[in-house]
C-alpha cells in the first residue's frame, strides 16, 4: 500500500471507527453508506473529504451512480487531526485508490 506508516496507522483508525458503515472492503452499503473505493470525492482534492470527516455529512448524495442517504458523523471532536490525517491517508491509498497522503496540518487548516 502506498503512503507508508501513516496509511498503516490509518488502517487501525478505519477498522475501529469507519468499517462498520463503509465496510472493511471500502464498498459501503447500498443505499445507505457510499463506497470509498473508487470514490472521486475521496481521491480528489483532500479538502472536501477532510471537511466531511471533520464536520460530518447529512442528506442524500450520489456516488458512482448510486444514491445514499446515511448520515456521516462529525469526527472532528472525537479524533485528533493526526488520526484524521492517518485514516484519510489510508482511505486514499486503499482498495485501488491512489491519492496523496493527508497531513495533520492539512486537517487543522480545513474548516
N, C-alpha and C. Protein backbone atom coordinates (compact mmCIF):
# COMPACT_ATOMS: atom_id res chain seq x y z
N UNK A 1 0.84 -1.18 0.00
CA UNK A 1 0.00 0.00 0.00
C UNK A 1 0.89 1.24 0.00
N UNK A 2 0.50 2.22 -0.77
CA UNK A 2 1.23 3.48 -0.83
C UNK A 2 1.05 4.27 0.47
N UNK A 3 1.87 5.26 0.66
CA UNK A 3 1.78 6.22 1.77
C UNK A 3 2.27 5.68 3.11
N UNK A 4 2.88 4.53 3.16
CA UNK A 4 3.65 4.05 4.29
C UNK A 4 3.00 3.99 5.65
N UNK A 5 3.74 4.45 6.67
CA UNK A 5 3.32 4.31 8.07
C UNK A 5 2.02 5.03 8.36
N UNK A 6 1.80 6.20 7.77
CA UNK A 6 0.55 6.93 8.03
C UNK A 6 -0.64 6.09 7.59
N UNK A 7 -0.53 5.42 6.45
CA UNK A 7 -1.63 4.58 5.98
C UNK A 7 -1.82 3.38 6.91
N UNK A 8 -0.73 2.83 7.42
CA UNK A 8 -0.82 1.70 8.34
C UNK A 8 -1.54 2.12 9.62
N UNK A 9 -1.17 3.27 10.18
CA UNK A 9 -1.86 3.78 11.37
C UNK A 9 -3.33 4.06 11.04
N UNK A 10 -3.58 4.57 9.86
CA UNK A 10 -4.95 4.88 9.44
C UNK A 10 -5.81 3.65 9.30
N UNK A 11 -5.20 2.52 8.94
CA UNK A 11 -5.97 1.27 8.83
C UNK A 11 -6.58 0.90 10.17
N UNK A 12 -5.84 1.12 11.25
CA UNK A 12 -6.36 0.83 12.59
C UNK A 12 -7.51 1.77 12.93
N UNK A 13 -7.35 3.06 12.65
CA UNK A 13 -8.41 4.03 12.91
C UNK A 13 -9.65 3.67 12.08
N UNK A 14 -9.43 3.27 10.82
CA UNK A 14 -10.54 2.90 9.94
C UNK A 14 -11.29 1.70 10.50
N UNK A 15 -10.58 0.66 10.88
CA UNK A 15 -11.24 -0.55 11.39
C UNK A 15 -12.06 -0.24 12.64
N UNK A 16 -11.56 0.64 13.48
CA UNK A 16 -12.23 0.98 14.73
C UNK A 16 -13.45 1.87 14.52
N UNK A 17 -13.35 2.84 13.61
CA UNK A 17 -14.36 3.89 13.53
C UNK A 17 -15.19 3.93 12.24
N UNK A 18 -14.71 3.32 11.18
CA UNK A 18 -15.34 3.53 9.87
C UNK A 18 -15.88 2.27 9.22
N UNK A 19 -15.26 1.13 9.51
CA UNK A 19 -15.58 -0.08 8.76
C UNK A 19 -16.99 -0.60 9.01
N UNK A 20 -17.60 -0.28 10.13
CA UNK A 20 -18.96 -0.77 10.37
C UNK A 20 -19.95 -0.19 9.37
N UNK A 21 -19.69 0.99 8.87
CA UNK A 21 -20.56 1.60 7.85
C UNK A 21 -20.02 1.41 6.44
N UNK A 22 -18.76 1.74 6.23
CA UNK A 22 -18.17 1.70 4.89
C UNK A 22 -17.60 0.34 4.54
N UNK A 23 -17.61 -0.60 5.48
CA UNK A 23 -17.18 -1.98 5.31
C UNK A 23 -15.65 -2.07 5.21
N UNK A 24 -15.13 -3.21 5.61
CA UNK A 24 -13.68 -3.45 5.55
C UNK A 24 -13.17 -3.34 4.12
N UNK A 25 -14.03 -3.63 3.16
CA UNK A 25 -13.67 -3.59 1.75
C UNK A 25 -13.73 -2.20 1.14
N UNK A 26 -14.26 -1.23 1.89
CA UNK A 26 -14.43 0.12 1.35
C UNK A 26 -15.58 0.24 0.37
N UNK A 27 -16.41 -0.78 0.27
CA UNK A 27 -17.50 -0.79 -0.71
C UNK A 27 -18.80 -0.18 -0.18
N UNK A 28 -18.87 0.15 1.12
CA UNK A 28 -20.07 0.76 1.68
C UNK A 28 -21.25 -0.20 1.70
N UNK A 29 -22.44 0.36 1.96
CA UNK A 29 -23.69 -0.40 1.97
C UNK A 29 -24.66 0.26 1.02
N UNK A 30 -25.16 -0.48 0.07
CA UNK A 30 -26.05 0.06 -0.96
C UNK A 30 -27.18 0.88 -0.34
N UNK A 31 -27.36 2.08 -0.85
CA UNK A 31 -28.46 2.95 -0.43
C UNK A 31 -28.24 3.69 0.87
N UNK A 32 -27.24 3.28 1.65
CA UNK A 32 -27.04 3.90 2.96
C UNK A 32 -25.68 4.59 3.07
N UNK A 33 -24.61 3.82 2.94
CA UNK A 33 -23.26 4.37 3.10
C UNK A 33 -22.47 4.18 1.81
N UNK A 34 -21.94 5.27 1.24
CA UNK A 34 -21.29 5.19 -0.06
C UNK A 34 -19.96 4.44 -0.02
N UNK A 35 -19.55 3.93 -1.16
CA UNK A 35 -18.23 3.30 -1.24
C UNK A 35 -17.14 4.36 -1.12
N UNK A 36 -16.04 3.97 -0.55
CA UNK A 36 -14.86 4.82 -0.51
C UNK A 36 -13.88 4.39 -1.61
N UNK A 37 -13.95 3.14 -2.00
CA UNK A 37 -13.12 2.62 -3.09
C UNK A 37 -13.59 3.24 -4.40
N UNK A 38 -12.68 3.90 -5.09
CA UNK A 38 -13.01 4.50 -6.37
C UNK A 38 -13.92 5.70 -6.31
N UNK A 39 -14.11 6.25 -5.13
CA UNK A 39 -14.99 7.41 -4.95
C UNK A 39 -14.20 8.68 -5.30
N UNK A 40 -14.66 9.46 -6.30
CA UNK A 40 -13.89 10.63 -6.72
C UNK A 40 -13.77 11.72 -5.65
N UNK A 41 -14.68 11.78 -4.70
CA UNK A 41 -14.55 12.75 -3.60
C UNK A 41 -13.39 12.33 -2.70
N UNK A 42 -13.24 11.05 -2.49
CA UNK A 42 -12.15 10.53 -1.66
C UNK A 42 -10.80 10.72 -2.34
N UNK A 43 -10.74 10.50 -3.65
CA UNK A 43 -9.46 10.52 -4.35
C UNK A 43 -9.12 11.86 -4.99
N UNK A 44 -10.04 12.81 -4.93
CA UNK A 44 -9.78 14.14 -5.50
C UNK A 44 -9.01 15.01 -4.52
N UNK A 45 -9.25 16.30 -4.58
CA UNK A 45 -8.63 17.24 -3.65
C UNK A 45 -8.91 16.79 -2.22
N UNK A 46 -7.92 16.93 -1.35
CA UNK A 46 -8.07 16.45 0.03
C UNK A 46 -9.07 17.28 0.83
N UNK A 47 -9.20 18.57 0.56
CA UNK A 47 -10.02 19.45 1.40
C UNK A 47 -11.47 18.98 1.55
N UNK A 48 -12.18 18.61 0.48
CA UNK A 48 -13.58 18.20 0.67
C UNK A 48 -13.74 16.97 1.56
N UNK A 49 -12.88 15.97 1.39
CA UNK A 49 -13.02 14.76 2.20
C UNK A 49 -12.58 15.02 3.65
N UNK A 50 -11.61 15.90 3.85
CA UNK A 50 -11.25 16.30 5.22
C UNK A 50 -12.46 16.95 5.88
N UNK A 51 -13.11 17.86 5.19
CA UNK A 51 -14.28 18.55 5.72
C UNK A 51 -15.38 17.55 6.08
N UNK A 52 -15.63 16.57 5.23
CA UNK A 52 -16.68 15.58 5.51
C UNK A 52 -16.35 14.79 6.77
N UNK A 53 -15.10 14.36 6.91
CA UNK A 53 -14.73 13.57 8.09
C UNK A 53 -14.78 14.44 9.35
N UNK A 54 -14.28 15.66 9.28
CA UNK A 54 -14.27 16.52 10.47
C UNK A 54 -15.67 16.97 10.88
N UNK A 55 -16.49 17.37 9.90
CA UNK A 55 -17.77 18.02 10.20
C UNK A 55 -19.00 17.18 9.91
N UNK A 56 -18.83 16.01 9.33
CA UNK A 56 -19.95 15.13 9.03
C UNK A 56 -20.65 15.52 7.74
N UNK A 57 -21.68 14.75 7.40
CA UNK A 57 -22.43 14.99 6.18
C UNK A 57 -23.82 14.40 6.35
N UNK A 58 -24.82 15.19 6.03
CA UNK A 58 -26.20 14.70 6.06
C UNK A 58 -26.86 14.99 4.72
N UNK A 59 -27.93 14.29 4.44
CA UNK A 59 -28.66 14.48 3.20
C UNK A 59 -28.26 13.47 2.15
N UNK A 60 -29.03 13.42 1.11
CA UNK A 60 -28.82 12.47 0.03
C UNK A 60 -27.62 12.87 -0.82
N UNK A 61 -26.79 11.88 -1.17
CA UNK A 61 -25.66 12.11 -2.06
C UNK A 61 -25.65 11.03 -3.14
N UNK A 62 -24.99 11.32 -4.24
CA UNK A 62 -24.81 10.35 -5.31
C UNK A 62 -23.33 10.06 -5.48
N UNK A 63 -22.99 8.78 -5.54
CA UNK A 63 -21.61 8.35 -5.72
C UNK A 63 -21.60 7.18 -6.69
N UNK A 64 -20.82 7.31 -7.74
CA UNK A 64 -20.64 6.23 -8.71
C UNK A 64 -21.98 5.66 -9.19
N UNK A 65 -22.95 6.53 -9.43
CA UNK A 65 -24.24 6.11 -9.95
C UNK A 65 -25.23 5.62 -8.92
N UNK A 66 -24.84 5.57 -7.65
CA UNK A 66 -25.74 5.14 -6.59
C UNK A 66 -26.15 6.32 -5.72
N UNK A 67 -27.31 6.22 -5.09
CA UNK A 67 -27.80 7.24 -4.18
C UNK A 67 -27.72 6.71 -2.76
N UNK A 68 -27.24 7.57 -1.85
CA UNK A 68 -27.01 7.17 -0.46
C UNK A 68 -27.65 8.17 0.48
N UNK A 69 -28.27 7.67 1.54
CA UNK A 69 -28.98 8.55 2.48
C UNK A 69 -28.52 8.40 3.92
N UNK A 70 -27.43 7.68 4.16
CA UNK A 70 -26.92 7.55 5.52
C UNK A 70 -26.36 8.86 6.03
N UNK A 71 -26.11 8.92 7.31
CA UNK A 71 -25.54 10.13 7.91
C UNK A 71 -24.10 9.85 8.35
N UNK A 72 -23.19 10.72 7.92
CA UNK A 72 -21.79 10.62 8.32
C UNK A 72 -21.61 11.47 9.57
N UNK A 73 -21.17 10.86 10.68
CA UNK A 73 -20.97 11.65 11.90
C UNK A 73 -19.77 12.58 11.75
N UNK A 74 -19.78 13.64 12.54
CA UNK A 74 -18.64 14.56 12.61
C UNK A 74 -17.60 13.95 13.54
N UNK A 75 -16.43 13.66 13.02
CA UNK A 75 -15.37 13.04 13.81
C UNK A 75 -14.37 14.06 14.35
N UNK A 76 -14.53 15.33 14.00
CA UNK A 76 -13.56 16.35 14.38
C UNK A 76 -13.42 16.58 15.87
N UNK A 77 -14.46 16.26 16.64
CA UNK A 77 -14.37 16.42 18.09
C UNK A 77 -13.94 15.12 18.78
N UNK A 78 -13.92 14.02 18.03
CA UNK A 78 -13.60 12.71 18.60
C UNK A 78 -12.19 12.27 18.25
N UNK A 79 -11.80 12.47 17.00
CA UNK A 79 -10.48 12.05 16.53
C UNK A 79 -9.53 13.25 16.46
N UNK A 80 -8.27 13.01 16.72
CA UNK A 80 -7.27 14.06 16.60
C UNK A 80 -7.01 14.37 15.12
N UNK A 81 -6.39 15.52 14.87
CA UNK A 81 -6.00 15.84 13.50
C UNK A 81 -5.07 14.77 12.93
N UNK A 82 -4.19 14.23 13.77
CA UNK A 82 -3.28 13.18 13.32
C UNK A 82 -4.05 11.91 12.94
N UNK A 83 -5.06 11.54 13.74
CA UNK A 83 -5.86 10.36 13.42
C UNK A 83 -6.66 10.56 12.14
N UNK A 84 -7.24 11.75 11.96
CA UNK A 84 -8.00 12.03 10.74
C UNK A 84 -7.06 11.99 9.54
N UNK A 85 -5.89 12.57 9.67
CA UNK A 85 -4.92 12.53 8.57
C UNK A 85 -4.53 11.09 8.25
N UNK A 86 -4.30 10.29 9.27
CA UNK A 86 -3.91 8.90 9.06
C UNK A 86 -5.02 8.10 8.38
N UNK A 87 -6.24 8.23 8.86
CA UNK A 87 -7.33 7.45 8.26
C UNK A 87 -7.60 7.89 6.83
N UNK A 88 -7.50 9.19 6.56
CA UNK A 88 -7.69 9.64 5.19
C UNK A 88 -6.54 9.21 4.28
N UNK A 89 -5.34 9.20 4.80
CA UNK A 89 -4.21 8.68 4.03
C UNK A 89 -4.46 7.22 3.68
N UNK A 90 -4.94 6.46 4.64
CA UNK A 90 -5.27 5.05 4.40
C UNK A 90 -6.35 4.92 3.33
N UNK A 91 -7.47 5.61 3.51
CA UNK A 91 -8.60 5.50 2.60
C UNK A 91 -8.21 5.95 1.19
N UNK A 92 -7.37 6.97 1.09
CA UNK A 92 -6.97 7.49 -0.22
C UNK A 92 -5.93 6.60 -0.92
N UNK A 93 -5.44 5.56 -0.21
CA UNK A 93 -4.45 4.67 -0.84
C UNK A 93 -4.86 3.20 -0.76
N UNK A 94 -6.05 2.89 -0.26
CA UNK A 94 -6.52 1.50 -0.14
C UNK A 94 -7.49 1.18 -1.28
N UNK A 95 -7.74 -0.10 -1.48
CA UNK A 95 -8.77 -0.61 -2.43
C UNK A 95 -8.59 -0.09 -3.85
N UNK A 96 -7.35 0.13 -4.26
CA UNK A 96 -7.08 0.62 -5.60
C UNK A 96 -7.05 2.13 -5.71
N UNK A 97 -7.40 2.85 -4.64
CA UNK A 97 -7.28 4.32 -4.66
C UNK A 97 -5.80 4.67 -4.69
N UNK A 98 -5.46 5.77 -5.34
CA UNK A 98 -4.05 6.16 -5.47
C UNK A 98 -3.87 7.65 -5.29
N UNK A 99 -4.48 8.22 -4.25
CA UNK A 99 -4.38 9.65 -3.99
C UNK A 99 -3.27 9.92 -2.97
N UNK A 100 -2.88 11.17 -2.88
CA UNK A 100 -1.78 11.56 -2.00
C UNK A 100 -2.15 11.44 -0.52
N UNK A 101 -1.11 11.40 0.30
CA UNK A 101 -1.28 11.37 1.75
C UNK A 101 -1.88 12.70 2.23
N UNK A 102 -2.50 12.65 3.41
CA UNK A 102 -3.04 13.83 4.07
C UNK A 102 -2.23 14.06 5.34
N UNK A 103 -1.89 15.32 5.62
CA UNK A 103 -1.09 15.63 6.82
C UNK A 103 -1.98 16.22 7.91
N UNK A 104 -1.54 16.11 9.17
CA UNK A 104 -2.28 16.76 10.25
C UNK A 104 -2.43 18.26 10.02
N UNK A 105 -1.43 18.91 9.42
CA UNK A 105 -1.53 20.34 9.14
C UNK A 105 -2.66 20.64 8.16
N UNK A 106 -2.84 19.80 7.15
CA UNK A 106 -3.96 19.97 6.22
C UNK A 106 -5.30 19.83 6.95
N UNK A 107 -5.38 18.88 7.85
CA UNK A 107 -6.62 18.67 8.61
C UNK A 107 -6.90 19.90 9.47
N UNK A 108 -5.88 20.39 10.16
CA UNK A 108 -6.05 21.56 11.04
C UNK A 108 -6.48 22.79 10.25
N UNK A 109 -6.01 22.91 9.01
CA UNK A 109 -6.30 24.11 8.21
C UNK A 109 -7.66 24.05 7.52
N UNK A 110 -8.30 22.89 7.51
CA UNK A 110 -9.60 22.75 6.82
C UNK A 110 -10.72 22.96 7.82
N UNK A 111 -11.60 23.90 7.44
CA UNK A 111 -12.74 24.23 8.32
C UNK A 111 -14.03 23.92 7.63
